[in-house]
Amino acid sequence: MLREHAFLRYVPSGAAEYEEKVRTACGMFASAVSRAAGAPVPNPYPAATIDGLGATGPDAGGRAARRVAAALAKASAANPGSDRLRRAADAWRRASEALYAASRA
């Protein structure tokens, strides 16, 4: 979805529409990760996005979840008082581990 609409980010009148698509895609990815990992994860937007996700294969979801966890951890470090970001990073890290374990089973 994001790849098909990437041109919007370069058009001033389409920037808000593209951001909404990124927010939606992040929510959809969070939902898919929650179902696959068996653990809830929050929508990472805006602290982390899945923009640029393009890999495929059995480990792609785990790698993407690990990147989201790292971005949330970085955002948490930049905002030390944000327990929400720290908890989100931990949830995404645990989900990425569960996805890797499931892909190995």
N, C-alpha and C. Protein backbone atom coordinates (compact mmCIF):
# COMPACT_ATOMS: atom_id res chain seq x y z
N MET A 1 0.83 -1.18 0.00
CA MET A 1 0.00 0.00 0.00
C MET A 1 0.88 1.26 0.00
N LEU A 2 1.89 1.26 0.83
CA LEU A 2 2.73 2.46 0.91
C LEU A 2 3.54 2.66 -0.35
N ARG A 3 4.04 1.57 -0.92
CA ARG A 3 4.83 1.67 -2.14
C ARG A 3 4.01 2.30 -3.26
N GLU A 4 2.74 1.90 -3.37
CA GLU A 4 1.88 2.41 -4.43
C GLU A 4 1.56 3.89 -4.27
N HIS A 5 1.64 4.38 -3.05
CA HIS A 5 1.28 5.78 -2.79
C HIS A 5 2.48 6.63 -2.37
N ALA A 6 3.69 6.13 -2.57
CA ALA A 6 4.90 6.86 -2.15
C ALA A 6 5.01 8.21 -2.82
N PHE A 7 4.46 8.35 -4.03
CA PHE A 7 4.55 9.63 -4.73
C PHE A 7 3.89 10.74 -3.92
N LEU A 8 2.94 10.42 -3.05
CA LEU A 8 2.22 11.44 -2.29
C LEU A 8 3.14 12.21 -1.35
N ARG A 9 4.18 11.54 -0.85
CA ARG A 9 5.05 12.24 0.11
C ARG A 9 5.84 13.37 -0.55
N TYR A 10 5.96 13.34 -1.87
CA TYR A 10 6.71 14.37 -2.58
C TYR A 10 5.82 15.49 -3.10
N VAL A 11 4.54 15.33 -2.96
CA VAL A 11 3.58 16.33 -3.43
C VAL A 11 3.05 17.06 -2.20
N PRO A 12 3.26 18.38 -2.10
CA PRO A 12 2.82 19.10 -0.90
C PRO A 12 1.35 18.85 -0.54
N SER A 13 0.51 18.76 -1.54
CA SER A 13 -0.92 18.56 -1.25
C SER A 13 -1.21 17.12 -0.82
N GLY A 14 -0.28 16.19 -1.00
CA GLY A 14 -0.51 14.80 -0.66
C GLY A 14 0.19 14.34 0.60
N ALA A 15 0.97 15.21 1.22
CA ALA A 15 1.75 14.80 2.39
C ALA A 15 0.87 14.31 3.54
N ALA A 16 -0.22 15.00 3.82
CA ALA A 16 -1.11 14.60 4.91
C ALA A 16 -1.78 13.26 4.59
N GLU A 17 -2.16 13.07 3.34
CA GLU A 17 -2.77 11.80 2.94
C GLU A 17 -1.77 10.66 3.09
N TYR A 18 -0.51 10.89 2.72
CA TYR A 18 0.50 9.85 2.85
C TYR A 18 0.74 9.51 4.32
N GLU A 19 0.79 10.52 5.19
CA GLU A 19 0.98 10.27 6.62
C GLU A 19 -0.17 9.43 7.18
N GLU A 20 -1.38 9.69 6.72
CA GLU A 20 -2.54 8.89 7.16
C GLU A 20 -2.38 7.44 6.69
N LYS A 21 -1.88 7.26 5.48
CA LYS A 21 -1.65 5.91 4.97
C LYS A 21 -0.56 5.20 5.78
N VAL A 22 0.48 5.93 6.18
CA VAL A 22 1.54 5.35 7.02
C VAL A 22 0.95 4.94 8.37
N ARG A 23 0.14 5.81 8.96
CA ARG A 23 -0.49 5.51 10.25
C ARG A 23 -1.35 4.24 10.15
N THR A 24 -2.13 4.16 9.07
CA THR A 24 -2.99 3.00 8.85
C THR A 24 -2.16 1.73 8.64
N ALA A 25 -1.13 1.82 7.83
CA ALA A 25 -0.27 0.66 7.57
C ALA A 25 0.41 0.19 8.84
N CYS A 26 0.85 1.12 9.66
CA CYS A 26 1.49 0.74 10.93
C CYS A 26 0.49 0.02 11.83
N GLY A 27 -0.75 0.51 11.87
CA GLY A 27 -1.78 -0.14 12.67
C GLY A 27 -2.10 -1.53 12.15
N MET A 28 -2.15 -1.68 10.84
CA MET A 28 -2.42 -2.99 10.24
C MET A 28 -1.27 -3.96 10.54
N PHE A 29 -0.04 -3.46 10.46
CA PHE A 29 1.12 -4.30 10.75
C PHE A 29 1.11 -4.70 12.23
N ALA A 30 0.79 -3.76 13.12
CA ALA A 30 0.73 -4.06 14.55
C ALA A 30 -0.32 -5.14 14.82
N SER A 31 -1.45 -5.06 14.14
CA SER A 31 -2.49 -6.06 14.31
C SER A 31 -2.03 -7.43 13.83
N ALA A 32 -1.36 -7.46 12.68
CA ALA A 32 -0.86 -8.73 12.15
C ALA A 32 0.21 -9.33 13.06
N VAL A 33 1.09 -8.49 13.58
CA VAL A 33 2.14 -8.97 14.49
C VAL A 33 1.50 -9.49 15.78
N SER A 34 0.50 -8.80 16.29
CA SER A 34 -0.18 -9.24 17.51
C SER A 34 -0.78 -10.63 17.32
N ARG A 35 -1.45 -10.84 16.19
CA ARG A 35 -2.04 -12.14 15.92
C ARG A 35 -0.97 -13.22 15.75
N ALA A 36 0.08 -12.92 15.02
CA ALA A 36 1.12 -13.90 14.75
C ALA A 36 1.94 -14.24 15.99
N ALA A 37 2.22 -13.24 16.80
CA ALA A 37 3.06 -13.45 17.99
C ALA A 37 2.24 -13.91 19.19
N GLY A 38 0.93 -13.71 19.14
CA GLY A 38 0.10 -14.08 20.28
C GLY A 38 0.23 -13.13 21.44
N ALA A 39 0.68 -11.92 21.17
CA ALA A 39 0.86 -10.91 22.22
C ALA A 39 0.49 -9.54 21.65
N PRO A 40 -0.18 -8.73 22.44
CA PRO A 40 -0.57 -7.41 21.93
C PRO A 40 0.63 -6.48 21.78
N VAL A 41 0.63 -5.73 20.69
CA VAL A 41 1.62 -4.67 20.49
C VAL A 41 0.86 -3.42 20.07
N PRO A 42 1.31 -2.25 20.50
CA PRO A 42 0.62 -1.02 20.13
C PRO A 42 1.03 -0.56 18.73
N ASN A 43 0.19 0.28 18.15
CA ASN A 43 0.54 0.92 16.89
C ASN A 43 1.78 1.77 17.15
N PRO A 44 2.87 1.53 16.43
CA PRO A 44 4.11 2.25 16.72
C PRO A 44 4.15 3.69 16.21
N TYR A 45 3.18 4.07 15.38
CA TYR A 45 3.18 5.40 14.77
C TYR A 45 2.92 6.43 15.84
N PRO A 46 3.57 7.57 15.88
CA PRO A 46 4.56 8.14 14.99
C PRO A 46 6.00 7.91 15.41
N ALA A 47 6.22 7.25 16.56
CA ALA A 47 7.58 7.06 17.05
C ALA A 47 8.38 6.12 16.15
N ALA A 48 7.70 5.19 15.49
CA ALA A 48 8.35 4.25 14.58
C ALA A 48 7.37 3.96 13.46
N THR A 49 7.90 3.75 12.27
CA THR A 49 7.04 3.43 11.13
C THR A 49 7.57 2.22 10.39
N ILE A 50 6.74 1.69 9.53
CA ILE A 50 7.16 0.55 8.71
C ILE A 50 7.43 1.00 7.28
N ASP A 51 7.51 2.29 7.07
CA ASP A 51 7.80 2.82 5.74
C ASP A 51 9.13 2.24 5.26
N GLY A 52 9.14 1.71 4.07
CA GLY A 52 10.35 1.12 3.52
C GLY A 52 10.44 -0.38 3.71
N LEU A 53 9.43 -0.98 4.35
CA LEU A 53 9.41 -2.43 4.52
C LEU A 53 9.22 -3.06 3.16
N GLY A 54 10.13 -3.90 2.76
CA GLY A 54 10.02 -4.49 1.44
C GLY A 54 10.51 -5.92 1.37
N ALA A 55 11.09 -6.41 2.45
CA ALA A 55 11.63 -7.76 2.44
C ALA A 55 10.52 -8.80 2.50
N THR A 56 10.80 -9.97 1.98
CA THR A 56 9.87 -11.08 2.07
C THR A 56 10.58 -12.28 2.65
N GLY A 57 9.85 -13.31 2.93
CA GLY A 57 10.43 -14.52 3.47
C GLY A 57 9.98 -14.77 4.89
N PRO A 58 10.34 -15.92 5.43
CA PRO A 58 9.85 -16.30 6.75
C PRO A 58 10.33 -15.40 7.88
N ASP A 59 11.48 -14.80 7.74
CA ASP A 59 12.01 -13.95 8.81
C ASP A 59 11.70 -12.46 8.63
N ALA A 60 11.03 -12.09 7.54
CA ALA A 60 10.80 -10.67 7.25
C ALA A 60 9.98 -9.99 8.34
N GLY A 61 8.95 -10.64 8.83
CA GLY A 61 8.12 -10.05 9.89
C GLY A 61 8.90 -9.84 11.16
N GLY A 62 9.72 -10.82 11.51
CA GLY A 62 10.54 -10.69 12.71
C GLY A 62 11.56 -9.57 12.60
N ARG A 63 12.18 -9.46 11.41
CA ARG A 63 13.15 -8.37 11.20
C ARG A 63 12.45 -7.01 11.27
N ALA A 64 11.28 -6.90 10.66
CA ALA A 64 10.55 -5.64 10.68
C ALA A 64 10.13 -5.30 12.10
N ALA A 65 9.67 -6.29 12.86
CA ALA A 65 9.27 -6.05 14.25
C ALA A 65 10.48 -5.63 15.09
N ARG A 66 11.64 -6.23 14.80
CA ARG A 66 12.86 -5.86 15.53
C ARG A 66 13.26 -4.41 15.22
N ARG A 67 13.10 -3.99 13.94
CA ARG A 67 13.40 -2.60 13.58
C ARG A 67 12.44 -1.64 14.28
N VAL A 68 11.16 -2.00 14.36
CA VAL A 68 10.19 -1.17 15.07
C VAL A 68 10.58 -1.08 16.54
N ALA A 69 10.94 -2.21 17.16
CA ALA A 69 11.35 -2.21 18.56
C ALA A 69 12.56 -1.32 18.78
N ALA A 70 13.53 -1.37 17.87
CA ALA A 70 14.73 -0.54 17.99
C ALA A 70 14.39 0.94 17.85
N ALA A 71 13.51 1.27 16.92
CA ALA A 71 13.11 2.68 16.74
C ALA A 71 12.36 3.18 17.98
N LEU A 72 11.51 2.34 18.54
CA LEU A 72 10.79 2.74 19.76
C LEU A 72 11.75 2.88 20.94
N ALA A 73 12.74 2.00 21.04
CA ALA A 73 13.73 2.11 22.10
C ALA A 73 14.54 3.39 21.97
N LYS A 74 14.88 3.75 20.74
CA LYS A 74 15.61 4.99 20.50
C LYS A 74 14.75 6.19 20.88
N ALA A 75 13.47 6.16 20.52
CA ALA A 75 12.56 7.25 20.89
C ALA A 75 12.39 7.32 22.40
N SER A 76 12.36 6.16 23.06
CA SER A 76 12.25 6.12 24.51
C SER A 76 13.49 6.71 25.18
N ALA A 77 14.66 6.42 24.62
CA ALA A 77 15.91 6.97 25.17
C ALA A 77 15.96 8.49 25.01
N ALA A 78 15.38 8.98 23.92
CA ALA A 78 15.35 10.42 23.69
C ALA A 78 14.34 11.12 24.59
N ASN A 79 13.36 10.36 25.10
CA ASN A 79 12.33 10.89 26.00
C ASN A 79 12.30 10.04 27.26
N PRO A 80 13.29 10.23 28.16
CA PRO A 80 13.44 9.32 29.29
C PRO A 80 12.22 9.21 30.20
N GLY A 81 11.35 10.18 30.20
CA GLY A 81 10.17 10.13 31.06
C GLY A 81 9.00 9.39 30.45
N SER A 82 9.17 8.85 29.27
CA SER A 82 8.06 8.22 28.58
C SER A 82 8.02 6.71 28.83
N ASP A 83 7.24 6.32 29.83
CA ASP A 83 7.07 4.89 30.10
C ASP A 83 6.30 4.22 28.97
N ARG A 84 5.42 4.96 28.31
CA ARG A 84 4.63 4.40 27.21
C ARG A 84 5.54 3.90 26.10
N LEU A 85 6.55 4.71 25.73
CA LEU A 85 7.47 4.30 24.67
C LEU A 85 8.33 3.11 25.10
N ARG A 86 8.75 3.10 26.35
CA ARG A 86 9.56 1.98 26.85
C ARG A 86 8.75 0.69 26.85
N ARG A 87 7.50 0.76 27.31
CA ARG A 87 6.65 -0.44 27.31
C ARG A 87 6.37 -0.90 25.88
N ALA A 88 6.15 0.06 24.97
CA ALA A 88 5.90 -0.30 23.57
C ALA A 88 7.12 -0.98 22.97
N ALA A 89 8.31 -0.46 23.25
CA ALA A 89 9.54 -1.07 22.73
C ALA A 89 9.70 -2.49 23.27
N ASP A 90 9.41 -2.68 24.55
CA ASP A 90 9.51 -4.02 25.14
C ASP A 90 8.51 -4.98 24.50
N ALA A 91 7.29 -4.52 24.28
CA ALA A 91 6.27 -5.38 23.66
C ALA A 91 6.69 -5.77 22.25
N TRP A 92 7.21 -4.83 21.48
CA TRP A 92 7.64 -5.13 20.11
C TRP A 92 8.86 -6.05 20.11
N ARG A 93 9.76 -5.89 21.07
CA ARG A 93 10.93 -6.77 21.16
C ARG A 93 10.47 -8.20 21.45
N ARG A 94 9.55 -8.36 22.42
CA ARG A 94 9.04 -9.70 22.73
C ARG A 94 8.30 -10.30 21.53
N ALA A 95 7.54 -9.47 20.82
CA ALA A 95 6.82 -9.96 19.64
C ALA A 95 7.80 -10.40 18.56
N SER A 96 8.88 -9.64 18.36
CA SER A 96 9.85 -10.04 17.33
C SER A 96 10.51 -11.36 17.70
N GLU A 97 10.79 -11.57 18.98
CA GLU A 97 11.36 -12.85 19.42
C GLU A 97 10.38 -14.00 19.18
N ALA A 98 9.09 -13.74 19.44
CA ALA A 98 8.07 -14.77 19.21
C ALA A 98 7.94 -15.09 17.74
N LEU A 99 8.03 -14.07 16.89
CA LEU A 99 7.96 -14.30 15.45
C LEU A 99 9.15 -15.12 14.95
N TYR A 100 10.33 -14.80 15.46
CA TYR A 100 11.52 -15.58 15.08
C TYR A 100 11.38 -17.03 15.55
N ALA A 101 10.89 -17.21 16.76
CA ALA A 101 10.73 -18.57 17.29
C ALA A 101 9.70 -19.34 16.45
N ALA A 102 8.63 -18.68 16.05
CA ALA A 102 7.60 -19.34 15.26
C ALA A 102 8.13 -19.70 13.87
N SER A 103 8.98 -18.85 13.31
CA SER A 103 9.50 -19.14 11.97
C SER A 103 10.52 -20.28 12.01
N ARG A 104 11.08 -20.56 13.15
CA ARG A 104 12.06 -21.64 13.30
C ARG A 104 11.40 -22.98 13.62
N ALA A 105 10.15 -22.94 14.07
CA ALA A 105 9.44 -24.18 14.49
C ALA A 105 8.97 -25.00 13.32
